[in-house]
C-alpha atoms as a PDB file:
ATOM      1  CA  UNK A   1       0.000   0.000   0.000  1.00  0.00           C
ATOM      2  CA  UNK A   2       1.189   3.498  -0.847  1.00  0.00           C
ATOM      3  CA  UNK A   3       0.917   5.951   2.078  1.00  0.00           C
ATOM      4  CA  UNK A   4      -1.774   8.603   1.834  1.00  0.00           C
ATOM      5  CA  UNK A   5      -2.342  11.892   3.659  1.00  0.00           C
ATOM      6  CA  UNK A   6      -5.998  12.004   2.690  1.00  0.00           C
ATOM      7  CA  UNK A   7      -8.491  11.619   5.520  1.00  0.00           C
ATOM      8  CA  UNK A   8     -11.217   9.056   4.938  1.00  0.00           C
ATOM      9  CA  UNK A   9     -14.585   9.505   6.630  1.00  0.00           C
ATOM     10  CA  UNK A  10     -16.748   6.423   6.989  1.00  0.00           C
ATOM     11  CA  UNK A  11     -20.445   7.266   7.146  1.00  0.00           C
ATOM     12  CA  UNK A  12     -22.523   9.511   4.917  1.00  0.00           C
ATOM     13  CA  UNK A  13     -25.000  10.760   7.499  1.00  0.00           C
ATOM     14  CA  UNK A  14     -25.169  14.202   9.076  1.00  0.00           C
ATOM     15  CA  UNK A  15     -21.987  13.807  11.133  1.00  0.00           C
ATOM     16  CA  UNK A  16     -19.912  12.280   8.310  1.00  0.00           C
ATOM     17  CA  UNK A  17     -20.893  14.890   5.741  1.00  0.00           C
ATOM     18  CA  UNK A  18     -20.304  17.726   8.214  1.00  0.00           C
ATOM     19  CA  UNK A  19     -16.758  16.460   8.855  1.00  0.00           C
ATOM     20  CA  UNK A  20     -16.187  15.995   5.127  1.00  0.00           C
ATOM     21  CA  UNK A  21     -17.293  19.548   4.384  1.00  0.00           C
ATOM     22  CA  UNK A  22     -14.771  20.925   6.880  1.00  0.00           C
ATOM     23  CA  UNK A  23     -11.810  18.750   5.805  1.00  0.00           C
ATOM     24  CA  UNK A  24     -10.617  19.761   2.328  1.00  0.00           C
ATOM     25  CA  UNK A  25      -8.521  16.632   1.792  1.00  0.00           C
ATOM     26  CA  UNK A  26     -11.242  14.191   2.781  1.00  0.00           C
ATOM     27  CA  UNK A  27     -12.828  11.268   1.024  1.00  0.00           C
ATOM     28  CA  UNK A  28     -16.309  10.264   2.149  1.00  0.00           C
ATOM     29  CA  UNK A  29     -16.768   6.490   2.181  1.00  0.00           C
ATOM     30  CA  UNK A  30     -20.330   5.424   1.391  1.00  0.00           C
ATOM     31  CA  UNK A  31     -22.088   2.051   1.291  1.00  0.00           C
ATOM     32  CA  UNK A  32     -22.149   0.207  -2.023  1.00  0.00           C
ATOM     33  CA  UNK A  33     -25.350   0.983  -3.895  1.00  0.00           C
ATOM     34  CA  UNK A  34     -25.705   4.509  -2.501  1.00  0.00           C
ATOM     35  CA  UNK A  35     -27.085   6.721  -5.268  1.00  0.00           C
ATOM     36  CA  UNK A  36     -24.503   9.464  -4.624  1.00  0.00           C
ATOM     37  CA  UNK A  37     -21.677   7.069  -5.589  1.00  0.00           C
ATOM     38  CA  UNK A  38     -22.714   7.312  -9.220  1.00  0.00           C
ATOM     39  CA  UNK A  39     -21.174  10.842  -9.249  1.00  0.00           C
ATOM     40  CA  UNK A  40     -17.710  10.338  -7.577  1.00  0.00           C
ATOM     41  CA  UNK A  41     -18.033  13.849  -6.039  1.00  0.00           C
ATOM     42  CA  UNK A  42     -20.625  15.494  -3.841  1.00  0.00           C
ATOM     43  CA  UNK A  43     -21.172  19.231  -3.477  1.00  0.00           C
ATOM     44  CA  UNK A  44     -22.024  20.183   0.107  1.00  0.00           C
ATOM     45  CA  UNK A  45     -23.325  23.474   1.452  1.00  0.00           C
ATOM     46  CA  UNK A  46     -23.244  23.954   5.219  1.00  0.00           C
ATOM     47  CA  UNK A  47     -24.942  26.943   6.866  1.00  0.00           C
ATOM     48  CA  UNK A  48     -24.119  28.199  10.319  1.00  0.00           C
ATOM     49  CA  UNK A  49     -25.206  31.188  12.318  1.00  0.00           C
ATOM     50  CA  UNK A  50     -22.560  33.108  14.201  1.00  0.00           C
ATOM     51  CA  UNK A  51     -22.885  36.052  16.509  1.00  0.00           C
ATOM     52  CA  UNK A  52     -22.671  39.089  14.320  1.00  0.00           C
ATOM     53  CA  UNK A  53     -22.471  42.782  14.688  1.00  0.00           C
ATOM     54  CA  UNK A  54     -25.238  44.924  16.142  1.00  0.00           C
ATOM     55  CA  UNK A  55     -27.468  43.884  13.223  1.00  0.00           C
ATOM     56  CA  UNK A  56     -27.772  40.377  14.682  1.00  0.00           C
ATOM     57  CA  UNK A  57     -26.640  36.896  13.671  1.00  0.00           C
ATOM     58  CA  UNK A  58     -24.755  36.417  10.420  1.00  0.00           C
ATOM     59  CA  UNK A  59     -25.570  33.434   8.188  1.00  0.00           C
ATOM     60  CA  UNK A  60     -22.328  31.973   6.825  1.00  0.00           C
ATOM     61  CA  UNK A  61     -22.253  29.289   4.178  1.00  0.00           C
ATOM     62  CA  UNK A  62     -19.436  26.836   3.597  1.00  0.00           C
ATOM     63  CA  UNK A  63     -19.358  25.092   0.244  1.00  0.00           C
ATOM     64  CA  UNK A  64     -17.220  22.052  -0.372  1.00  0.00           C
ATOM     65  CA  UNK A  65     -16.809  19.465  -3.076  1.00  0.00           C
ATOM     66  CA  UNK A  66     -16.106  16.098  -1.469  1.00  0.00           C
ATOM     67  CA  UNK A  67     -14.587  13.041  -3.138  1.00  0.00           C
ATOM     68  CA  UNK A  68     -16.679   9.859  -2.795  1.00  0.00           C
ATOM     69  CA  UNK A  69     -15.637   6.191  -2.717  1.00  0.00           C
ATOM     70  CA  UNK A  70     -17.448   2.977  -1.862  1.00  0.00           C
ATOM     71  CA  UNK A  71     -16.659   1.727   1.629  1.00  0.00           C
ATOM     72  CA  UNK A  72     -15.992  -1.801   0.385  1.00  0.00           C
ATOM     73  CA  UNK A  73     -15.536  -3.727  -2.801  1.00  0.00           C
ATOM     74  CA  UNK A  74     -13.942  -1.910  -5.722  1.00  0.00           C
ATOM     75  CA  UNK A  75     -12.058   0.844  -3.846  1.00  0.00           C
ATOM     76  CA  UNK A  76      -8.397   0.105  -3.124  1.00  0.00           C
ATOM     77  CA  UNK A  77      -7.016   3.462  -1.963  1.00  0.00           C
ATOM     78  CA  UNK A  78      -5.014   2.902   1.242  1.00  0.00           C
ATOM     79  CA  UNK A  79      -6.327   4.600   4.383  1.00  0.00           C
ATOM     80  CA  UNK A  80      -3.940   6.387   6.744  1.00  0.00           C
ATOM     81  CA  UNK A  81      -6.518   8.346   8.758  1.00  0.00           C
ATOM     82  CA  UNK A  82     -10.053   7.062   9.233  1.00  0.00           C
ATOM     83  CA  UNK A  83     -12.898   8.855  10.992  1.00  0.00           C
ATOM     84  CA  UNK A  84     -15.787   6.496  11.770  1.00  0.00           C
ATOM     85  CA  UNK A  85     -19.013   8.519  11.793  1.00  0.00           C
ATOM     86  CA  UNK A  86     -21.604   5.755  11.772  1.00  0.00           C
ATOM     87  CA  UNK A  87     -24.213   4.781  14.309  1.00  0.00           C
ATOM     88  CA  UNK A  88     -22.612   2.868  17.196  1.00  0.00           C
ATOM     89  CA  UNK A  89     -24.284  -0.453  16.393  1.00  0.00           C
ATOM     90  CA  UNK A  90     -22.947  -0.353  12.804  1.00  0.00           C
ATOM     91  CA  UNK A  91     -19.366   0.718  13.542  1.00  0.00           C
ATOM     92  CA  UNK A  92     -17.816  -2.761  13.766  1.00  0.00           C
ATOM     93  CA  UNK A  93     -19.356  -3.931  10.487  1.00  0.00           C
ATOM     94  CA  UNK A  94     -18.424  -0.674   8.750  1.00  0.00           C
ATOM     95  CA  UNK A  95     -14.825  -0.937   9.974  1.00  0.00           C
ATOM     96  CA  UNK A  96     -14.619  -4.541   8.792  1.00  0.00           C
ATOM     97  CA  UNK A  97     -15.509  -3.340   5.283  1.00  0.00           C
ATOM     98  CA  UNK A  98     -12.377  -1.158   5.079  1.00  0.00           C
ATOM     99  CA  UNK A  99     -10.009  -3.176   7.303  1.00  0.00           C
ATOM    100  CA  UNK A 100      -7.936  -4.465   4.377  1.00  0.00           C
ATOM    101  CA  UNK A 101      -7.300  -0.871   3.228  1.00  0.00           C
ATOM    102  CA  UNK A 102      -5.954   0.382   6.581  1.00  0.00           C
ATOM    103  CA  UNK A 103      -2.247   1.106   6.664  1.00  0.00           C
ATOM    104  CA  UNK A 104      -0.295  -0.586   9.475  1.00  0.00           C
ATOM    105  CA  UNK A 105       0.107   2.751  11.290  1.00  0.00           C
ATOM    106  CA  UNK A 106      -3.368   4.088  10.509  1.00  0.00           C
ATOM    107  CA  UNK A 107      -5.068   6.478  12.914  1.00  0.00           C
ATOM    108  CA  UNK A 108      -8.718   5.574  13.565  1.00  0.00           C
ATOM    109  CA  UNK A 109     -11.050   8.071  15.252  1.00  0.00           C
ATOM    110  CA  UNK A 110     -14.378   6.755  16.500  1.00  0.00           C
ATOM    111  CA  UNK A 111     -17.111   9.423  16.717  1.00  0.00           C
ATOM    112  CA  UNK A 112     -20.145   7.284  17.496  1.00  0.00           C
END
């Protein structure tokens, strides 16, 4: 396996896509058969309100284009950093799907 600096995020729900939108060198790993995988990239727009000037809250938008890969099967890109953003009961099965792609010194962050 060739080392990679790209962060991989496992889980395409609210938490996974939020992390992907904020990490420019991220790849979002989705389940096989997910409709979004037909495009290879996903455009995300995240809105947040922050305390603004005297006029009140300011609506800021973050736009990101995120690379997509299947979480198992055809993808072979090695994983050096993995963020698991699945529901707790599905984390073990999701991790098993990418286990063969993990580098020997991979960092795995569990968010569920």
